Amino acid sequence: MIIDLHTHSIKSDDGRAKVQNYCQWIKARDIPIDGFVLTEHRQFDFESDYSALAKEFNLIILKGAEVETEYGHVLVFGVTEALTEQFNFSSIDLPLAEVIEKSEALGAVPVPCHPGRPRVGMSAHLDEYGIPKGVRIVETFNGGSRNNEDDIAQSMAEQQSYLGIGGSDSHIVSHVGRCATEFSNPVHSELELVEALNAGEFKAVSFKT
């Protein structure tokens, strides 16, 4: 099963894609993914229910979040209401250690994203803050990466023995599915996604041309 783990809809401040349009594009263009995760910026979208769209288009549509720390941006999978009460998702300077500790304590999985990117990627802050403790997984394929950003991410992952996921980081419809994550076992819910990530039975894949 292949899932794009990093997408943004119009719920994000800079997102320009409607979820229905993502679904239509994936099917019309035969994008080789089975679903996607909406990781809206600095929030978890409790309001939206995409189950009808998922059924109509036979796609997995899950939700996560993208938060901001001193080490750059971090995807969080398995978000619950209890977790949103542990730290301020809307903050732009969360301590990464706190995000990791509180996420894992409540069964969520934090994943630094586009870590090879200047300013908002983890690698840009290693000289200042050092190697962070508790990171297990990073995004090694990002659909919005430029130049050698993915190479930096992959090199860092190899050096630190991190596992790697892939996501398109799509903000517009035509970018969905550029990168994704292939799972050994089916993933149909946010709980199963967390279980699969914790099990380490996945690999990052890229469909960028």
N, C-alpha and C. Protein backbone atom coordinates (compact mmCIF):
# COMPACT_ATOMS: atom_id res chain seq x y z
N MET A 1 0.85 -1.19 0.00
CA MET A 1 0.00 0.00 0.00
C MET A 1 0.88 1.24 0.00
N ILE A 2 0.57 2.20 -0.88
CA ILE A 2 1.38 3.40 -1.03
C ILE A 2 0.54 4.62 -0.65
N ILE A 3 1.05 5.39 0.31
CA ILE A 3 0.32 6.55 0.82
C ILE A 3 1.23 7.78 0.82
N ASP A 4 0.71 8.87 0.30
CA ASP A 4 1.40 10.16 0.36
C ASP A 4 1.17 10.72 1.76
N LEU A 5 2.24 10.81 2.55
CA LEU A 5 2.10 11.16 3.97
C LEU A 5 2.19 12.65 4.26
N HIS A 6 2.22 13.50 3.22
CA HIS A 6 2.45 14.93 3.48
C HIS A 6 1.72 15.76 2.43
N THR A 7 0.49 16.17 2.73
CA THR A 7 -0.28 17.00 1.81
C THR A 7 -0.99 18.12 2.59
N HIS A 8 -1.33 19.17 1.86
CA HIS A 8 -2.03 20.31 2.45
C HIS A 8 -3.23 20.69 1.60
N SER A 9 -4.32 21.00 2.25
CA SER A 9 -5.53 21.45 1.55
C SER A 9 -5.73 22.94 1.82
N ILE A 10 -6.87 23.45 1.40
CA ILE A 10 -7.19 24.86 1.66
C ILE A 10 -7.35 25.15 3.14
N LYS A 11 -7.35 24.12 3.98
CA LYS A 11 -7.37 24.34 5.43
C LYS A 11 -6.06 24.95 5.92
N SER A 12 -4.97 24.71 5.17
CA SER A 12 -3.69 25.32 5.51
C SER A 12 -3.64 26.73 4.94
N ASP A 13 -2.89 27.61 5.61
CA ASP A 13 -2.88 29.01 5.20
C ASP A 13 -2.36 29.23 3.80
N ASP A 14 -1.47 28.35 3.33
CA ASP A 14 -0.92 28.51 1.99
C ASP A 14 -1.36 27.39 1.04
N GLY A 15 -2.33 26.58 1.46
CA GLY A 15 -2.82 25.50 0.61
C GLY A 15 -3.87 25.99 -0.37
N ARG A 16 -3.81 25.48 -1.60
CA ARG A 16 -4.75 25.90 -2.62
C ARG A 16 -5.54 24.73 -3.21
N ALA A 17 -5.49 23.58 -2.56
CA ALA A 17 -6.13 22.38 -3.09
C ALA A 17 -7.33 21.96 -2.24
N LYS A 18 -8.43 21.66 -2.90
CA LYS A 18 -9.56 21.07 -2.21
C LYS A 18 -9.38 19.55 -2.20
N VAL A 19 -9.82 18.93 -1.13
CA VAL A 19 -9.61 17.49 -0.97
C VAL A 19 -10.29 16.71 -2.08
N GLN A 20 -11.48 17.12 -2.46
CA GLN A 20 -12.18 16.45 -3.56
C GLN A 20 -11.37 16.53 -4.85
N ASN A 21 -10.72 17.67 -5.08
CA ASN A 21 -9.92 17.82 -6.29
C ASN A 21 -8.68 16.93 -6.26
N TYR A 22 -8.10 16.74 -5.08
CA TYR A 22 -7.02 15.76 -4.95
C TYR A 22 -7.50 14.38 -5.41
N CYS A 23 -8.64 13.98 -4.91
CA CYS A 23 -9.19 12.66 -5.25
C CYS A 23 -9.42 12.54 -6.75
N GLN A 24 -10.02 13.55 -7.34
CA GLN A 24 -10.30 13.53 -8.77
C GLN A 24 -9.01 13.46 -9.58
N TRP A 25 -8.00 14.20 -9.17
CA TRP A 25 -6.73 14.21 -9.89
C TRP A 25 -6.04 12.85 -9.81
N ILE A 26 -6.03 12.27 -8.63
CA ILE A 26 -5.38 10.96 -8.44
C ILE A 26 -6.00 9.92 -9.36
N LYS A 27 -7.31 9.92 -9.45
CA LYS A 27 -7.99 8.93 -10.28
C LYS A 27 -7.85 9.25 -11.77
N ALA A 28 -8.00 10.53 -12.12
CA ALA A 28 -7.93 10.91 -13.54
C ALA A 28 -6.55 10.68 -14.12
N ARG A 29 -5.53 10.92 -13.32
CA ARG A 29 -4.14 10.79 -13.79
C ARG A 29 -3.53 9.44 -13.44
N ASP A 30 -4.32 8.59 -12.80
CA ASP A 30 -3.84 7.27 -12.39
C ASP A 30 -2.55 7.38 -11.56
N ILE A 31 -2.56 8.30 -10.60
CA ILE A 31 -1.42 8.47 -9.71
C ILE A 31 -1.27 7.20 -8.86
N PRO A 32 -0.08 6.62 -8.80
CA PRO A 32 0.08 5.30 -8.17
C PRO A 32 0.12 5.33 -6.64
N ILE A 33 -0.90 5.95 -6.03
CA ILE A 33 -0.99 5.93 -4.57
C ILE A 33 -2.38 5.44 -4.17
N ASP A 34 -2.45 4.88 -2.97
CA ASP A 34 -3.72 4.36 -2.46
C ASP A 34 -4.43 5.37 -1.56
N GLY A 35 -3.75 6.46 -1.24
CA GLY A 35 -4.36 7.46 -0.38
C GLY A 35 -3.36 8.51 0.02
N PHE A 36 -3.80 9.40 0.91
CA PHE A 36 -2.94 10.49 1.33
C PHE A 36 -3.34 10.95 2.73
N VAL A 37 -2.38 11.64 3.38
CA VAL A 37 -2.60 12.18 4.72
C VAL A 37 -2.56 13.70 4.63
N LEU A 38 -3.58 14.34 5.16
CA LEU A 38 -3.66 15.80 5.20
C LEU A 38 -2.96 16.28 6.47
N THR A 39 -1.83 16.94 6.29
CA THR A 39 -1.02 17.41 7.42
C THR A 39 -1.05 18.93 7.43
N GLU A 40 -2.14 19.48 7.87
CA GLU A 40 -2.33 20.93 7.80
C GLU A 40 -1.36 21.66 8.74
N HIS A 41 -0.94 22.85 8.31
CA HIS A 41 0.02 23.63 9.06
C HIS A 41 -0.54 24.11 10.40
N ARG A 42 0.24 23.85 11.47
CA ARG A 42 -0.01 24.40 12.80
C ARG A 42 -1.42 24.16 13.32
N GLN A 43 -1.95 22.99 13.03
CA GLN A 43 -3.31 22.65 13.50
C GLN A 43 -3.58 21.17 13.25
N PHE A 44 -4.59 20.67 13.94
CA PHE A 44 -5.17 19.38 13.57
C PHE A 44 -6.63 19.63 13.27
N ASP A 45 -7.06 19.22 12.11
CA ASP A 45 -8.42 19.50 11.62
C ASP A 45 -9.40 18.46 12.16
N PHE A 46 -10.00 18.78 13.30
CA PHE A 46 -10.99 17.87 13.88
C PHE A 46 -12.33 17.97 13.15
N GLU A 47 -12.59 19.07 12.47
CA GLU A 47 -13.91 19.35 11.92
C GLU A 47 -14.26 18.51 10.69
N SER A 48 -13.31 18.37 9.78
CA SER A 48 -13.62 17.80 8.47
C SER A 48 -13.78 16.28 8.52
N ASP A 49 -14.78 15.79 7.82
CA ASP A 49 -15.03 14.36 7.70
C ASP A 49 -14.93 13.99 6.22
N TYR A 50 -13.89 13.24 5.88
CA TYR A 50 -13.65 12.90 4.48
C TYR A 50 -14.04 11.46 4.15
N SER A 51 -14.80 10.83 5.03
CA SER A 51 -15.14 9.42 4.83
C SER A 51 -15.97 9.19 3.57
N ALA A 52 -16.87 10.12 3.26
CA ALA A 52 -17.69 9.96 2.06
C ALA A 52 -16.83 10.07 0.80
N LEU A 53 -15.90 11.02 0.78
CA LEU A 53 -14.99 11.14 -0.36
C LEU A 53 -14.10 9.91 -0.49
N ALA A 54 -13.62 9.42 0.63
CA ALA A 54 -12.77 8.23 0.60
C ALA A 54 -13.51 7.04 0.00
N LYS A 55 -14.77 6.89 0.37
CA LYS A 55 -15.57 5.79 -0.17
C LYS A 55 -15.87 6.00 -1.64
N GLU A 56 -16.22 7.22 -2.02
CA GLU A 56 -16.56 7.52 -3.42
C GLU A 56 -15.40 7.25 -4.36
N PHE A 57 -14.20 7.62 -3.93
CA PHE A 57 -13.03 7.49 -4.81
C PHE A 57 -12.15 6.29 -4.47
N ASN A 58 -12.59 5.48 -3.51
CA ASN A 58 -11.83 4.31 -3.09
C ASN A 58 -10.38 4.68 -2.74
N LEU A 59 -10.25 5.67 -1.88
CA LEU A 59 -8.95 6.14 -1.43
C LEU A 59 -8.91 6.20 0.10
N ILE A 60 -7.73 6.06 0.64
CA ILE A 60 -7.52 6.27 2.07
C ILE A 60 -7.26 7.76 2.28
N ILE A 61 -8.05 8.42 3.11
CA ILE A 61 -7.83 9.83 3.43
C ILE A 61 -7.71 9.95 4.94
N LEU A 62 -6.50 10.24 5.41
CA LEU A 62 -6.23 10.35 6.83
C LEU A 62 -5.79 11.77 7.17
N LYS A 63 -5.65 12.04 8.45
CA LYS A 63 -5.26 13.38 8.89
C LYS A 63 -4.09 13.31 9.87
N GLY A 64 -3.22 14.31 9.77
CA GLY A 64 -2.13 14.50 10.71
C GLY A 64 -1.98 15.99 10.93
N ALA A 65 -0.76 16.41 11.22
CA ALA A 65 -0.49 17.83 11.42
C ALA A 65 0.96 18.12 11.06
N GLU A 66 1.25 19.38 10.79
CA GLU A 66 2.63 19.84 10.62
C GLU A 66 2.85 20.99 11.58
N VAL A 67 3.75 20.78 12.53
CA VAL A 67 4.04 21.81 13.54
C VAL A 67 5.44 22.36 13.32
N GLU A 68 5.75 23.46 14.01
CA GLU A 68 7.01 24.15 13.80
C GLU A 68 7.82 24.19 15.08
N THR A 69 9.09 23.79 14.99
CA THR A 69 9.98 23.73 16.14
C THR A 69 11.27 24.50 15.85
N GLU A 70 12.14 24.57 16.85
CA GLU A 70 13.42 25.25 16.64
C GLU A 70 14.31 24.49 15.67
N TYR A 71 13.99 23.21 15.43
CA TYR A 71 14.72 22.40 14.46
C TYR A 71 14.04 22.39 13.09
N GLY A 72 12.99 23.15 12.92
CA GLY A 72 12.26 23.13 11.66
C GLY A 72 10.91 22.45 11.81
N HIS A 73 10.31 22.11 10.68
CA HIS A 73 8.94 21.59 10.67
C HIS A 73 8.91 20.09 10.95
N VAL A 74 7.83 19.67 11.60
CA VAL A 74 7.69 18.27 12.03
C VAL A 74 6.27 17.80 11.74
N LEU A 75 6.14 16.69 11.03
CA LEU A 75 4.84 16.04 10.85
C LEU A 75 4.51 15.24 12.10
N VAL A 76 3.24 15.25 12.48
CA VAL A 76 2.80 14.45 13.63
C VAL A 76 1.64 13.58 13.18
N PHE A 77 1.79 12.27 13.33
CA PHE A 77 0.76 11.30 12.95
C PHE A 77 0.18 10.66 14.21
N GLY A 78 -1.14 10.44 14.17
CA GLY A 78 -1.80 9.87 15.34
C GLY A 78 -2.23 10.92 16.35
N VAL A 79 -2.55 12.11 15.86
CA VAL A 79 -2.95 13.21 16.75
C VAL A 79 -4.31 12.92 17.39
N THR A 80 -4.41 13.17 18.67
CA THR A 80 -5.67 13.05 19.40
C THR A 80 -5.97 14.38 20.08
N GLU A 81 -7.18 14.51 20.55
CA GLU A 81 -7.54 15.73 21.28
C GLU A 81 -6.66 15.91 22.50
N ALA A 82 -6.34 14.81 23.15
CA ALA A 82 -5.47 14.88 24.33
C ALA A 82 -4.11 15.45 23.97
N LEU A 83 -3.58 15.09 22.80
CA LEU A 83 -2.27 15.59 22.41
C LEU A 83 -2.33 17.09 22.12
N THR A 84 -3.41 17.55 21.51
CA THR A 84 -3.51 18.98 21.20
C THR A 84 -3.59 19.83 22.47
N GLU A 85 -3.88 19.20 23.60
CA GLU A 85 -3.90 19.91 24.87
C GLU A 85 -2.52 19.95 25.55
N GLN A 86 -1.56 19.19 24.99
CA GLN A 86 -0.24 19.10 25.60
C GLN A 86 0.72 20.19 25.13
N PHE A 87 0.53 20.67 23.91
CA PHE A 87 1.34 21.80 23.43
C PHE A 87 0.53 22.56 22.39
N ASN A 88 0.95 23.79 22.14
CA ASN A 88 0.22 24.70 21.26
C ASN A 88 0.59 24.43 19.80
N PHE A 89 -0.27 23.76 19.09
CA PHE A 89 0.01 23.40 17.70
C PHE A 89 0.23 24.63 16.82
N SER A 90 -0.33 25.77 17.20
CA SER A 90 -0.23 26.97 16.37
C SER A 90 1.07 27.75 16.58
N SER A 91 1.86 27.34 17.57
CA SER A 91 3.11 28.03 17.85
C SER A 91 4.12 27.83 16.72
N ILE A 92 5.01 28.80 16.53
CA ILE A 92 6.03 28.67 15.51
C ILE A 92 7.41 28.37 16.10
N ASP A 93 7.49 28.14 17.40
CA ASP A 93 8.79 27.88 18.02
C ASP A 93 8.69 26.84 19.13
N LEU A 94 8.00 25.76 18.83
CA LEU A 94 7.88 24.67 19.80
C LEU A 94 9.23 24.00 20.01
N PRO A 95 9.55 23.56 21.22
CA PRO A 95 10.76 22.77 21.43
C PRO A 95 10.57 21.36 20.84
N LEU A 96 11.47 20.95 19.98
CA LEU A 96 11.35 19.62 19.37
C LEU A 96 11.30 18.53 20.42
N ALA A 97 12.11 18.65 21.46
CA ALA A 97 12.14 17.64 22.52
C ALA A 97 10.76 17.47 23.14
N GLU A 98 10.05 18.58 23.32
CA GLU A 98 8.70 18.52 23.90
C GLU A 98 7.72 17.85 22.93
N VAL A 99 7.81 18.19 21.66
CA VAL A 99 6.94 17.58 20.66
C VAL A 99 7.15 16.07 20.62
N ILE A 100 8.41 15.64 20.64
CA ILE A 100 8.71 14.21 20.61
C ILE A 100 8.20 13.53 21.87
N GLU A 101 8.53 14.07 23.01
CA GLU A 101 8.16 13.44 24.29
C GLU A 101 6.65 13.32 24.44
N LYS A 102 5.95 14.41 24.21
CA LYS A 102 4.50 14.40 24.44
C LYS A 102 3.76 13.63 23.36
N SER A 103 4.26 13.66 22.14
CA SER A 103 3.63 12.87 21.07
C SER A 103 3.75 11.39 21.38
N GLU A 104 4.95 10.94 21.68
CA GLU A 104 5.15 9.52 21.90
C GLU A 104 4.46 9.03 23.17
N ALA A 105 4.34 9.90 24.17
CA ALA A 105 3.65 9.52 25.40
C ALA A 105 2.18 9.23 25.15
N LEU A 106 1.62 9.87 24.11
CA LEU A 106 0.20 9.70 23.80
C LEU A 106 -0.01 8.90 22.51
N GLY A 107 1.01 8.16 22.11
CA GLY A 107 0.86 7.23 20.99
C GLY A 107 0.97 7.83 19.61
N ALA A 108 1.48 9.06 19.50
CA ALA A 108 1.65 9.68 18.19
C ALA A 108 3.10 9.53 17.72
N VAL A 109 3.31 9.77 16.43
CA VAL A 109 4.64 9.62 15.84
C VAL A 109 5.08 10.95 15.23
N PRO A 110 6.13 11.57 15.76
CA PRO A 110 6.66 12.81 15.19
C PRO A 110 7.74 12.52 14.15
N VAL A 111 7.69 13.22 13.02
CA VAL A 111 8.63 12.98 11.92
C VAL A 111 9.10 14.33 11.35
N PRO A 112 10.33 14.75 11.60
CA PRO A 112 10.83 15.96 10.96
C PRO A 112 10.72 15.85 9.44
N CYS A 113 10.15 16.89 8.82
CA CYS A 113 9.92 16.84 7.38
C CYS A 113 10.87 17.78 6.64
N HIS A 114 11.01 17.53 5.34
CA HIS A 114 12.00 18.21 4.49
C HIS A 114 13.23 18.63 5.28
N PRO A 115 13.91 17.68 5.93
CA PRO A 115 15.01 18.02 6.83
C PRO A 115 16.25 18.58 6.12
N GLY A 116 16.31 18.44 4.80
CA GLY A 116 17.43 19.00 4.06
C GLY A 116 17.22 20.42 3.60
N ARG A 117 16.09 21.02 3.95
CA ARG A 117 15.72 22.34 3.45
C ARG A 117 16.31 23.44 4.33
N PRO A 118 16.79 24.53 3.73
CA PRO A 118 17.27 25.65 4.53
C PRO A 118 16.17 26.21 5.44
N ARG A 119 16.55 26.63 6.59
CA ARG A 119 15.71 27.33 7.57
C ARG A 119 14.63 26.45 8.20
N VAL A 120 13.80 25.78 7.41
CA VAL A 120 12.68 25.02 7.97
C VAL A 120 12.96 23.51 8.03
N GLY A 121 14.21 23.11 7.75
CA GLY A 121 14.60 21.71 7.82
C GLY A 121 15.56 21.45 8.97
N MET A 122 15.54 20.24 9.50
CA MET A 122 16.32 19.92 10.68
C MET A 122 17.81 20.11 10.47
N SER A 123 18.32 19.75 9.29
CA SER A 123 19.77 19.82 9.06
C SER A 123 20.30 21.24 9.18
N ALA A 124 19.47 22.23 8.93
CA ALA A 124 19.90 23.62 8.98
C ALA A 124 20.20 24.08 10.40
N HIS A 125 19.80 23.30 11.39
CA HIS A 125 19.94 23.73 12.79
C HIS A 125 20.86 22.83 13.61
N LEU A 126 21.48 21.86 12.96
CA LEU A 126 22.32 20.93 13.71
C LEU A 126 23.56 21.60 14.27
N ASP A 127 24.17 22.50 13.52
CA ASP A 127 25.37 23.17 14.01
C ASP A 127 25.07 23.98 15.26
N GLU A 128 23.89 24.59 15.30
CA GLU A 128 23.54 25.43 16.44
C GLU A 128 23.08 24.63 17.64
N TYR A 129 22.24 23.61 17.40
CA TYR A 129 21.60 22.91 18.51
C TYR A 129 22.11 21.48 18.73
N GLY A 130 22.84 20.93 17.74
CA GLY A 130 23.32 19.56 17.87
C GLY A 130 22.30 18.55 17.39
N ILE A 131 22.68 17.27 17.44
CA ILE A 131 21.78 16.19 17.02
C ILE A 131 20.68 16.03 18.07
N PRO A 132 19.41 16.16 17.67
CA PRO A 132 18.33 16.05 18.66
C PRO A 132 18.13 14.60 19.12
N LYS A 133 17.73 14.46 20.35
CA LYS A 133 17.45 13.13 20.89
C LYS A 133 16.02 12.72 20.56
N GLY A 134 15.83 11.45 20.32
CA GLY A 134 14.49 10.91 20.17
C GLY A 134 13.96 10.83 18.76
N VAL A 135 14.67 11.39 17.78
CA VAL A 135 14.20 11.30 16.39
C VAL A 135 14.44 9.88 15.89
N ARG A 136 13.41 9.28 15.32
CA ARG A 136 13.53 7.92 14.79
C ARG A 136 13.30 7.86 13.28
N ILE A 137 12.47 8.79 12.79
CA ILE A 137 12.06 8.79 11.38
C ILE A 137 12.14 10.22 10.87
N VAL A 138 12.61 10.38 9.65
CA VAL A 138 12.59 11.69 8.98
C VAL A 138 12.05 11.50 7.56
N GLU A 139 11.65 12.60 6.96
CA GLU A 139 11.17 12.55 5.58
C GLU A 139 12.37 12.64 4.64
N THR A 140 12.63 11.57 3.92
CA THR A 140 13.80 11.53 3.03
C THR A 140 13.46 11.81 1.58
N PHE A 141 12.20 11.69 1.21
CA PHE A 141 11.73 12.10 -0.11
C PHE A 141 10.61 13.13 0.08
N ASN A 142 10.82 14.34 -0.44
CA ASN A 142 9.81 15.39 -0.35
C ASN A 142 9.56 15.93 -1.74
N GLY A 143 8.30 15.97 -2.14
CA GLY A 143 7.95 16.38 -3.50
C GLY A 143 8.28 17.81 -3.83
N GLY A 144 8.47 18.64 -2.81
CA GLY A 144 8.79 20.04 -3.04
C GLY A 144 10.27 20.36 -2.91
N SER A 145 11.10 19.33 -2.72
CA SER A 145 12.53 19.57 -2.53
C SER A 145 13.18 20.11 -3.80
N ARG A 146 14.17 20.95 -3.60
CA ARG A 146 14.93 21.52 -4.71
C ARG A 146 16.40 21.15 -4.55
N ASN A 147 17.12 21.25 -5.68
CA ASN A 147 18.56 21.03 -5.69
C ASN A 147 18.91 19.73 -4.96
N ASN A 148 19.73 19.80 -3.91
CA ASN A 148 20.19 18.59 -3.23
C ASN A 148 19.54 18.39 -1.87
N GLU A 149 18.35 18.98 -1.67
CA GLU A 149 17.72 18.90 -0.34
C GLU A 149 17.42 17.46 0.08
N ASP A 150 16.93 16.64 -0.85
CA ASP A 150 16.66 15.25 -0.50
C ASP A 150 17.96 14.48 -0.27
N ASP A 151 19.00 14.82 -1.00
CA ASP A 151 20.30 14.17 -0.79
C ASP A 151 20.81 14.45 0.62
N ILE A 152 20.65 15.69 1.06
CA ILE A 152 21.06 16.05 2.42
C ILE A 152 20.25 15.25 3.44
N ALA A 153 18.94 15.15 3.21
CA ALA A 153 18.07 14.40 4.12
C ALA A 153 18.45 12.93 4.18
N GLN A 154 18.71 12.35 3.03
CA GLN A 154 19.06 10.93 2.97
C GLN A 154 20.41 10.66 3.62
N SER A 155 21.37 11.57 3.40
CA SER A 155 22.69 11.41 4.01
C SER A 155 22.60 11.50 5.53
N MET A 156 21.82 12.45 6.02
CA MET A 156 21.64 12.59 7.45
C MET A 156 20.96 11.36 8.04
N ALA A 157 19.94 10.85 7.34
CA ALA A 157 19.23 9.66 7.81
C ALA A 157 20.18 8.46 7.88
N GLU A 158 21.03 8.33 6.89
CA GLU A 158 21.99 7.22 6.89
C GLU A 158 22.98 7.35 8.04
N GLN A 159 23.49 8.56 8.24
CA GLN A 159 24.48 8.78 9.30
C GLN A 159 23.90 8.54 10.68
N GLN A 160 22.62 8.91 10.87
CA GLN A 160 22.00 8.81 12.19
C GLN A 160 21.11 7.59 12.36
N SER A 161 21.07 6.73 11.33
CA SER A 161 20.25 5.50 11.35
C SER A 161 18.77 5.81 11.52
N TYR A 162 18.30 6.88 10.86
CA TYR A 162 16.88 7.20 10.86
C TYR A 162 16.19 6.40 9.76
N LEU A 163 14.94 6.03 9.99
CA LEU A 163 14.10 5.50 8.93
C LEU A 163 13.58 6.67 8.09
N GLY A 164 13.17 6.39 6.85
CA GLY A 164 12.74 7.46 5.96
C GLY A 164 11.34 7.26 5.40
N ILE A 165 10.57 8.34 5.39
CA ILE A 165 9.27 8.33 4.74
C ILE A 165 9.30 9.28 3.53
N GLY A 166 8.25 9.20 2.70
CA GLY A 166 8.11 10.10 1.58
C GLY A 166 6.75 10.77 1.57
N GLY A 167 6.73 12.02 1.12
CA GLY A 167 5.48 12.76 0.99
C GLY A 167 5.63 13.85 -0.05
N SER A 168 4.54 14.20 -0.70
CA SER A 168 4.61 15.18 -1.77
C SER A 168 4.78 16.61 -1.27
N ASP A 169 4.33 16.88 -0.04
CA ASP A 169 4.28 18.26 0.46
C ASP A 169 3.45 19.13 -0.50
N SER A 170 2.42 18.54 -1.05
CA SER A 170 1.61 19.23 -2.07
C SER A 170 0.76 20.31 -1.44
N HIS A 171 0.75 21.46 -2.11
CA HIS A 171 -0.13 22.56 -1.77
C HIS A 171 -1.10 22.86 -2.91
N ILE A 172 -0.82 22.29 -4.06
CA ILE A 172 -1.70 22.38 -5.22
C ILE A 172 -1.97 20.96 -5.73
N VAL A 173 -3.08 20.81 -6.41
CA VAL A 173 -3.57 19.48 -6.78
C VAL A 173 -2.56 18.69 -7.60
N SER A 174 -1.91 19.34 -8.55
CA SER A 174 -1.05 18.61 -9.48
C SER A 174 0.23 18.07 -8.86
N HIS A 175 0.51 18.42 -7.60
CA HIS A 175 1.73 17.94 -6.96
C HIS A 175 1.50 16.69 -6.10
N VAL A 176 0.26 16.31 -5.88
CA VAL A 176 -0.01 15.16 -5.01
C VAL A 176 0.60 13.89 -5.60
N GLY A 177 1.17 13.07 -4.72
CA GLY A 177 1.73 11.80 -5.15
C GLY A 177 3.11 11.86 -5.75
N ARG A 178 3.76 13.00 -5.73
CA ARG A 178 5.12 13.09 -6.27
C ARG A 178 6.08 12.20 -5.48
N CYS A 179 5.87 12.14 -4.17
CA CYS A 179 6.62 11.24 -3.30
C CYS A 179 5.61 10.62 -2.33
N ALA A 180 5.94 9.45 -1.82
CA ALA A 180 4.99 8.75 -0.95
C ALA A 180 5.75 7.72 -0.12
N THR A 181 5.00 6.94 0.63
CA THR A 181 5.58 5.91 1.49
C THR A 181 4.90 4.58 1.20
N GLU A 182 5.69 3.57 0.95
CA GLU A 182 5.16 2.23 0.66
C GLU A 182 5.20 1.39 1.93
N PHE A 183 4.04 0.88 2.33
CA PHE A 183 3.91 0.08 3.55
C PHE A 183 3.78 -1.40 3.22
N SER A 184 4.37 -2.22 4.06
CA SER A 184 4.31 -3.67 3.85
C SER A 184 2.91 -4.22 4.13
N ASN A 185 2.20 -3.57 5.06
CA ASN A 185 0.87 -4.03 5.44
C ASN A 185 -0.16 -2.95 5.16
N PRO A 186 -1.44 -3.33 5.01
CA PRO A 186 -2.49 -2.33 4.74
C PRO A 186 -2.60 -1.29 5.84
N VAL A 187 -2.87 -0.06 5.45
CA VAL A 187 -3.09 1.04 6.38
C VAL A 187 -4.41 1.70 6.02
N HIS A 188 -5.40 1.57 6.90
CA HIS A 188 -6.73 2.12 6.62
C HIS A 188 -7.19 3.15 7.64
N SER A 189 -6.39 3.39 8.66
CA SER A 189 -6.79 4.33 9.71
C SER A 189 -5.55 5.01 10.27
N GLU A 190 -5.77 6.06 11.04
CA GLU A 190 -4.65 6.75 11.66
C GLU A 190 -3.96 5.85 12.69
N LEU A 191 -4.72 5.00 13.36
CA LEU A 191 -4.13 4.05 14.30
C LEU A 191 -3.23 3.05 13.58
N GLU A 192 -3.71 2.52 12.46
CA GLU A 192 -2.89 1.58 11.69
C GLU A 192 -1.66 2.27 11.11
N LEU A 193 -1.77 3.54 10.76
CA LEU A 193 -0.62 4.28 10.27
C LEU A 193 0.44 4.39 11.36
N VAL A 194 0.03 4.73 12.56
CA VAL A 194 0.96 4.81 13.68
C VAL A 194 1.62 3.46 13.93
N GLU A 195 0.83 2.41 13.91
CA GLU A 195 1.38 1.07 14.14
C GLU A 195 2.41 0.71 13.08
N ALA A 196 2.11 1.04 11.82
CA ALA A 196 3.03 0.72 10.72
C ALA A 196 4.32 1.52 10.84
N LEU A 197 4.21 2.79 11.21
CA LEU A 197 5.40 3.61 11.38
C LEU A 197 6.25 3.11 12.54
N ASN A 198 5.61 2.74 13.63
CA ASN A 198 6.35 2.22 14.78
C ASN A 198 7.01 0.89 14.48
N ALA A 199 6.38 0.10 13.62
CA ALA A 199 6.93 -1.20 13.25
C ALA A 199 8.11 -1.07 12.30
N GLY A 200 8.22 0.07 11.63
CA GLY A 200 9.33 0.29 10.70
C GLY A 200 9.21 -0.46 9.39
N GLU A 201 8.01 -0.92 9.08
CA GLU A 201 7.81 -1.73 7.86
C GLU A 201 7.33 -0.85 6.71
N PHE A 202 8.22 0.01 6.22
CA PHE A 202 7.87 0.94 5.17
C PHE A 202 9.14 1.44 4.49
N LYS A 203 8.96 2.08 3.35
CA LYS A 203 10.08 2.73 2.68
C LYS A 203 9.58 3.93 1.90
N ALA A 204 10.43 4.93 1.77
CA ALA A 204 10.09 6.12 1.00
C ALA A 204 10.23 5.83 -0.49
N VAL A 205 9.30 6.36 -1.27
CA VAL A 205 9.35 6.19 -2.72
C VAL A 205 9.13 7.54 -3.40
N SER A 206 9.71 7.69 -4.59
CA SER A 206 9.58 8.94 -5.34
C SER A 206 9.08 8.66 -6.74
N PHE A 207 8.11 9.47 -7.17
CA PHE A 207 7.60 9.37 -8.53
C PHE A 207 7.88 10.66 -9.31
N LYS A 208 8.78 11.48 -8.78
CA LYS A 208 9.12 12.72 -9.45
C LYS A 208 9.86 12.42 -10.75
N THR A 209 9.56 13.22 -11.77
CA THR A 209 10.25 13.03 -13.05
C THR A 209 11.11 14.23 -13.36
